[in-house]
């Protein structure tokens, strides 16, 4: 009897998961009520995509850039990157993973890694499904993080900021397909 109940529960959960997954894949990302808003003056949405791990949605990402944005020189102009989380993560986990991903973009010392991880952990909140975290990049200045329209933290280090936003925008990213989705409208015909 227990096996039948467990099997029924698993079938129900699997059916619910797959129906929700099918709805998520059918619904366009631009159906979001915030698609028309601009988080940084003078910018427009360049693209959006979803990060998945083992088929599970981790977050949805949207990128806003100024006209004339060059993805190969992403550090030249201000930009905004929004992540809408679909899972719970602590600030500590986000900061640790960010440092790991930043190592793909460029090299830095163990002392920088320790300092940046601590600064990022202090700047970010823990997140839960539905939370939208906005990162603002200003060339040569550092990163500012907002949630719910208010500043929740910042890391005022230009090199940190270059490497941090490189997680998504550098050609050395661990997620090249997501990068292509984010920079989709910045490419002209004939460019990769």
C-alpha atoms as a PDB file:
ATOM      1  CA  UNK A   1       0.000   0.000   0.000  1.00  0.00           C
ATOM      2  CA  UNK A   2       2.856   2.378   0.852  1.00  0.00           C
ATOM      3  CA  UNK A   3       4.489   1.672  -2.510  1.00  0.00           C
ATOM      4  CA  UNK A   4       1.253   2.495  -4.353  1.00  0.00           C
ATOM      5  CA  UNK A   5       0.847   5.747  -2.418  1.00  0.00           C
ATOM      6  CA  UNK A   6       4.456   6.766  -3.059  1.00  0.00           C
ATOM      7  CA  UNK A   7       4.165   5.846  -6.740  1.00  0.00           C
ATOM      8  CA  UNK A   8       0.954   7.898  -7.066  1.00  0.00           C
ATOM      9  CA  UNK A   9       2.622  10.845  -5.352  1.00  0.00           C
ATOM     10  CA  UNK A  10       5.644  10.643  -7.663  1.00  0.00           C
ATOM     11  CA  UNK A  11       3.447  10.402 -10.767  1.00  0.00           C
ATOM     12  CA  UNK A  12       1.409  13.390  -9.616  1.00  0.00           C
ATOM     13  CA  UNK A  13       4.528  15.437  -8.853  1.00  0.00           C
ATOM     14  CA  UNK A  14       6.113  14.488 -12.166  1.00  0.00           C
ATOM     15  CA  UNK A  15       2.961  15.404 -14.096  1.00  0.00           C
ATOM     16  CA  UNK A  16       2.733  18.744 -12.301  1.00  0.00           C
ATOM     17  CA  UNK A  17       6.422  19.444 -12.932  1.00  0.00           C
ATOM     18  CA  UNK A  18       6.163  18.589 -16.631  1.00  0.00           C
ATOM     19  CA  UNK A  19       2.975  20.608 -17.141  1.00  0.00           C
ATOM     20  CA  UNK A  20       4.583  23.618 -15.440  1.00  0.00           C
ATOM     21  CA  UNK A  21       7.740  23.099 -17.479  1.00  0.00           C
ATOM     22  CA  UNK A  22       5.714  22.933 -20.701  1.00  0.00           C
ATOM     23  CA  UNK A  23       3.900  26.151 -19.794  1.00  0.00           C
ATOM     24  CA  UNK A  24       7.197  27.867 -19.013  1.00  0.00           C
ATOM     25  CA  UNK A  25       8.686  26.778 -22.328  1.00  0.00           C
ATOM     26  CA  UNK A  26       5.636  27.906 -24.314  1.00  0.00           C
ATOM     27  CA  UNK A  27       5.203  31.280 -22.607  1.00  0.00           C
ATOM     28  CA  UNK A  28       7.523  33.878 -24.147  1.00  0.00           C
ATOM     29  CA  UNK A  29       9.938  35.505 -21.713  1.00  0.00           C
ATOM     30  CA  UNK A  30       8.794  38.907 -22.979  1.00  0.00           C
ATOM     31  CA  UNK A  31       5.340  38.239 -21.525  1.00  0.00           C
ATOM     32  CA  UNK A  32       6.739  39.578 -18.259  1.00  0.00           C
ATOM     33  CA  UNK A  33       4.923  42.691 -17.026  1.00  0.00           C
ATOM     34  CA  UNK A  34       8.285  44.423 -16.615  1.00  0.00           C
ATOM     35  CA  UNK A  35       9.418  43.885 -20.210  1.00  0.00           C
ATOM     36  CA  UNK A  36       8.747  47.531 -21.095  1.00  0.00           C
ATOM     37  CA  UNK A  37      10.522  49.085 -18.101  1.00  0.00           C
ATOM     38  CA  UNK A  38      14.095  50.288 -18.278  1.00  0.00           C
ATOM     39  CA  UNK A  39      16.186  50.031 -15.111  1.00  0.00           C
ATOM     40  CA  UNK A  40      18.934  52.379 -16.350  1.00  0.00           C
ATOM     41  CA  UNK A  41      18.343  55.662 -18.197  1.00  0.00           C
ATOM     42  CA  UNK A  42      19.204  55.592 -21.877  1.00  0.00           C
ATOM     43  CA  UNK A  43      19.184  51.811 -22.186  1.00  0.00           C
ATOM     44  CA  UNK A  44      17.035  49.296 -24.020  1.00  0.00           C
ATOM     45  CA  UNK A  45      16.614  45.569 -23.519  1.00  0.00           C
ATOM     46  CA  UNK A  46      19.214  43.707 -25.558  1.00  0.00           C
ATOM     47  CA  UNK A  47      18.091  40.191 -24.777  1.00  0.00           C
ATOM     48  CA  UNK A  48      16.937  37.684 -22.235  1.00  0.00           C
ATOM     49  CA  UNK A  49      17.496  34.033 -21.492  1.00  0.00           C
ATOM     50  CA  UNK A  50      17.213  31.285 -18.926  1.00  0.00           C
ATOM     51  CA  UNK A  51      19.964  29.473 -17.040  1.00  0.00           C
ATOM     52  CA  UNK A  52      19.151  25.819 -16.467  1.00  0.00           C
ATOM     53  CA  UNK A  53      21.078  23.167 -14.596  1.00  0.00           C
ATOM     54  CA  UNK A  54      20.155  19.511 -15.188  1.00  0.00           C
ATOM     55  CA  UNK A  55      16.921  20.751 -16.741  1.00  0.00           C
ATOM     56  CA  UNK A  56      15.907  22.848 -13.734  1.00  0.00           C
ATOM     57  CA  UNK A  57      15.463  26.578 -14.202  1.00  0.00           C
ATOM     58  CA  UNK A  58      17.885  28.484 -11.952  1.00  0.00           C
ATOM     59  CA  UNK A  59      17.150  32.052 -13.054  1.00  0.00           C
ATOM     60  CA  UNK A  60      15.912  34.187 -15.908  1.00  0.00           C
ATOM     61  CA  UNK A  61      18.323  36.893 -17.057  1.00  0.00           C
ATOM     62  CA  UNK A  62      17.636  40.164 -18.892  1.00  0.00           C
ATOM     63  CA  UNK A  63      20.214  42.642 -20.166  1.00  0.00           C
ATOM     64  CA  UNK A  64      19.751  46.364 -20.858  1.00  0.00           C
ATOM     65  CA  UNK A  65      22.360  48.307 -22.817  1.00  0.00           C
ATOM     66  CA  UNK A  66      22.839  51.711 -24.446  1.00  0.00           C
ATOM     67  CA  UNK A  67      22.560  52.159 -28.223  1.00  0.00           C
ATOM     68  CA  UNK A  68      25.804  51.196 -29.925  1.00  0.00           C
ATOM     69  CA  UNK A  69      26.671  48.571 -27.297  1.00  0.00           C
ATOM     70  CA  UNK A  70      29.520  46.310 -28.422  1.00  0.00           C
ATOM     71  CA  UNK A  71      29.356  42.902 -26.727  1.00  0.00           C
ATOM     72  CA  UNK A  72      33.044  42.285 -27.410  1.00  0.00           C
ATOM     73  CA  UNK A  73      33.825  45.436 -25.397  1.00  0.00           C
ATOM     74  CA  UNK A  74      31.057  45.086 -22.793  1.00  0.00           C
ATOM     75  CA  UNK A  75      32.987  47.109 -20.200  1.00  0.00           C
ATOM     76  CA  UNK A  76      32.925  50.321 -22.271  1.00  0.00           C
ATOM     77  CA  UNK A  77      29.343  51.419 -21.457  1.00  0.00           C
ATOM     78  CA  UNK A  78      26.940  51.299 -18.523  1.00  0.00           C
ATOM     79  CA  UNK A  79      24.560  48.347 -18.479  1.00  0.00           C
ATOM     80  CA  UNK A  80      21.990  46.641 -16.291  1.00  0.00           C
ATOM     81  CA  UNK A  81      21.590  42.909 -15.757  1.00  0.00           C
ATOM     82  CA  UNK A  82      18.553  41.496 -13.971  1.00  0.00           C
ATOM     83  CA  UNK A  83      18.306  37.969 -12.600  1.00  0.00           C
ATOM     84  CA  UNK A  84      14.918  36.599 -11.571  1.00  0.00           C
ATOM     85  CA  UNK A  85      15.637  33.623  -9.369  1.00  0.00           C
ATOM     86  CA  UNK A  86      13.629  30.403  -9.552  1.00  0.00           C
ATOM     87  CA  UNK A  87      15.380  28.752  -6.587  1.00  0.00           C
ATOM     88  CA  UNK A  88      16.477  29.639  -3.050  1.00  0.00           C
ATOM     89  CA  UNK A  89      20.104  30.712  -2.692  1.00  0.00           C
ATOM     90  CA  UNK A  90      22.005  32.290   0.160  1.00  0.00           C
ATOM     91  CA  UNK A  91      24.157  35.353  -0.444  1.00  0.00           C
ATOM     92  CA  UNK A  92      27.110  33.202   0.580  1.00  0.00           C
ATOM     93  CA  UNK A  93      26.359  30.597  -2.106  1.00  0.00           C
ATOM     94  CA  UNK A  94      25.876  33.270  -4.783  1.00  0.00           C
ATOM     95  CA  UNK A  95      29.128  35.010  -3.830  1.00  0.00           C
ATOM     96  CA  UNK A  96      31.119  31.771  -3.783  1.00  0.00           C
ATOM     97  CA  UNK A  97      29.802  30.654  -7.170  1.00  0.00           C
ATOM     98  CA  UNK A  98      30.363  34.129  -8.625  1.00  0.00           C
ATOM     99  CA  UNK A  99      34.058  34.041  -7.661  1.00  0.00           C
ATOM    100  CA  UNK A 100      34.385  30.605  -9.299  1.00  0.00           C
ATOM    101  CA  UNK A 101      32.785  31.911 -12.500  1.00  0.00           C
ATOM    102  CA  UNK A 102      34.875  35.111 -12.453  1.00  0.00           C
ATOM    103  CA  UNK A 103      38.036  32.958 -12.633  1.00  0.00           C
ATOM    104  CA  UNK A 104      36.963  31.935 -16.170  1.00  0.00           C
ATOM    105  CA  UNK A 105      36.942  35.592 -17.223  1.00  0.00           C
ATOM    106  CA  UNK A 106      40.288  36.674 -15.820  1.00  0.00           C
ATOM    107  CA  UNK A 107      42.936  36.007 -13.222  1.00  0.00           C
ATOM    108  CA  UNK A 108      43.145  37.539  -9.766  1.00  0.00           C
ATOM    109  CA  UNK A 109      44.977  36.873  -6.548  1.00  0.00           C
ATOM    110  CA  UNK A 110      43.706  34.738  -3.672  1.00  0.00           C
ATOM    111  CA  UNK A 111      43.566  37.937  -1.586  1.00  0.00           C
ATOM    112  CA  UNK A 112      41.346  39.612  -4.173  1.00  0.00           C
ATOM    113  CA  UNK A 113      39.136  36.528  -4.290  1.00  0.00           C
ATOM    114  CA  UNK A 114      38.690  36.535  -0.522  1.00  0.00           C
ATOM    115  CA  UNK A 115      37.985  40.264  -0.371  1.00  0.00           C
ATOM    116  CA  UNK A 116      35.588  40.201  -3.320  1.00  0.00           C
ATOM    117  CA  UNK A 117      33.709  37.182  -2.010  1.00  0.00           C
ATOM    118  CA  UNK A 118      33.238  38.897   1.360  1.00  0.00           C
ATOM    119  CA  UNK A 119      32.199  42.183  -0.275  1.00  0.00           C
ATOM    120  CA  UNK A 120      29.746  40.452  -2.623  1.00  0.00           C
ATOM    121  CA  UNK A 121      28.261  38.373   0.177  1.00  0.00           C
ATOM    122  CA  UNK A 122      27.719  41.561   2.203  1.00  0.00           C
ATOM    123  CA  UNK A 123      26.212  43.347  -0.828  1.00  0.00           C
ATOM    124  CA  UNK A 124      23.703  40.668  -1.815  1.00  0.00           C
ATOM    125  CA  UNK A 125      20.598  39.409  -0.039  1.00  0.00           C
ATOM    126  CA  UNK A 126      19.552  35.780   0.184  1.00  0.00           C
ATOM    127  CA  UNK A 127      17.097  35.095  -2.658  1.00  0.00           C
ATOM    128  CA  UNK A 128      13.995  32.971  -3.093  1.00  0.00           C
ATOM    129  CA  UNK A 129      11.911  32.066  -6.155  1.00  0.00           C
ATOM    130  CA  UNK A 130      10.535  35.194  -7.808  1.00  0.00           C
ATOM    131  CA  UNK A 131      13.141  37.579  -6.352  1.00  0.00           C
ATOM    132  CA  UNK A 132      14.585  39.968  -8.951  1.00  0.00           C
ATOM    133  CA  UNK A 133      18.142  41.141  -8.358  1.00  0.00           C
ATOM    134  CA  UNK A 134      19.400  43.955 -10.571  1.00  0.00           C
ATOM    135  CA  UNK A 135      23.098  44.587 -11.118  1.00  0.00           C
ATOM    136  CA  UNK A 136      24.186  47.971 -12.481  1.00  0.00           C
ATOM    137  CA  UNK A 137      27.569  48.374 -14.148  1.00  0.00           C
ATOM    138  CA  UNK A 138      29.288  51.732 -14.557  1.00  0.00           C
ATOM    139  CA  UNK A 139      32.649  51.648 -16.390  1.00  0.00           C
ATOM    140  CA  UNK A 140      35.537  52.188 -14.017  1.00  0.00           C
ATOM    141  CA  UNK A 141      33.285  52.441 -10.957  1.00  0.00           C
ATOM    142  CA  UNK A 142      32.093  49.082  -9.649  1.00  0.00           C
ATOM    143  CA  UNK A 143      28.775  47.307  -9.247  1.00  0.00           C
ATOM    144  CA  UNK A 144      25.560  48.412  -7.553  1.00  0.00           C
ATOM    145  CA  UNK A 145      22.868  45.867  -6.682  1.00  0.00           C
ATOM    146  CA  UNK A 146      19.155  46.623  -6.337  1.00  0.00           C
ATOM    147  CA  UNK A 147      16.156  44.612  -5.292  1.00  0.00           C
ATOM    148  CA  UNK A 148      12.615  45.921  -5.232  1.00  0.00           C
ATOM    149  CA  UNK A 149      13.773  49.309  -6.515  1.00  0.00           C
ATOM    150  CA  UNK A 150      16.181  49.962  -3.655  1.00  0.00           C
ATOM    151  CA  UNK A 151      19.933  49.615  -3.385  1.00  0.00           C
ATOM    152  CA  UNK A 152      20.809  46.533  -1.336  1.00  0.00           C
ATOM    153  CA  UNK A 153      24.580  46.753  -1.722  1.00  0.00           C
ATOM    154  CA  UNK A 154      27.555  47.620  -3.847  1.00  0.00           C
ATOM    155  CA  UNK A 155      31.105  46.567  -4.559  1.00  0.00           C
ATOM    156  CA  UNK A 156      33.023  49.744  -5.510  1.00  0.00           C
ATOM    157  CA  UNK A 157      35.862  48.003  -7.351  1.00  0.00           C
ATOM    158  CA  UNK A 158      36.224  48.441 -11.121  1.00  0.00           C
ATOM    159  CA  UNK A 159      38.179  45.207 -11.664  1.00  0.00           C
ATOM    160  CA  UNK A 160      35.664  43.212  -9.638  1.00  0.00           C
ATOM    161  CA  UNK A 161      32.836  44.719 -11.671  1.00  0.00           C
ATOM    162  CA  UNK A 162      34.497  43.933 -15.019  1.00  0.00           C
ATOM    163  CA  UNK A 163      34.995  40.300 -14.045  1.00  0.00           C
ATOM    164  CA  UNK A 164      31.605  39.955 -12.343  1.00  0.00           C
ATOM    165  CA  UNK A 165      29.582  41.116 -15.349  1.00  0.00           C
ATOM    166  CA  UNK A 166      31.915  39.028 -17.502  1.00  0.00           C
ATOM    167  CA  UNK A 167      30.273  35.958 -15.942  1.00  0.00           C
ATOM    168  CA  UNK A 168      27.430  36.613 -18.419  1.00  0.00           C
ATOM    169  CA  UNK A 169      29.009  38.837 -21.072  1.00  0.00           C
ATOM    170  CA  UNK A 170      32.598  37.705 -21.580  1.00  0.00           C
ATOM    171  CA  UNK A 171      33.375  35.333 -24.459  1.00  0.00           C
ATOM    172  CA  UNK A 172      34.964  33.134 -21.739  1.00  0.00           C
ATOM    173  CA  UNK A 173      31.621  32.624 -19.964  1.00  0.00           C
ATOM    174  CA  UNK A 174      30.685  29.102 -18.894  1.00  0.00           C
ATOM    175  CA  UNK A 175      27.266  29.682 -20.518  1.00  0.00           C
ATOM    176  CA  UNK A 176      27.867  30.827 -24.114  1.00  0.00           C
ATOM    177  CA  UNK A 177      24.274  30.100 -25.200  1.00  0.00           C
ATOM    178  CA  UNK A 178      22.920  32.358 -22.456  1.00  0.00           C
ATOM    179  CA  UNK A 179      25.419  35.060 -23.484  1.00  0.00           C
ATOM    180  CA  UNK A 180      24.147  34.862 -27.062  1.00  0.00           C
ATOM    181  CA  UNK A 181      20.553  35.232 -25.877  1.00  0.00           C
ATOM    182  CA  UNK A 182      21.447  38.253 -23.746  1.00  0.00           C
ATOM    183  CA  UNK A 183      23.284  40.080 -26.517  1.00  0.00           C
ATOM    184  CA  UNK A 184      20.902  38.934 -29.272  1.00  0.00           C
ATOM    185  CA  UNK A 185      19.731  42.357 -30.464  1.00  0.00           C
ATOM    186  CA  UNK A 186      23.198  43.917 -30.304  1.00  0.00           C
ATOM    187  CA  UNK A 187      24.486  41.796 -33.175  1.00  0.00           C
ATOM    188  CA  UNK A 188      24.164  43.000 -36.741  1.00  0.00           C
ATOM    189  CA  UNK A 189      23.558  40.728 -39.697  1.00  0.00           C
ATOM    190  CA  UNK A 190      26.545  38.541 -40.413  1.00  0.00           C
ATOM    191  CA  UNK A 191      28.006  38.709 -36.909  1.00  0.00           C
ATOM    192  CA  UNK A 192      28.202  35.537 -34.784  1.00  0.00           C
END
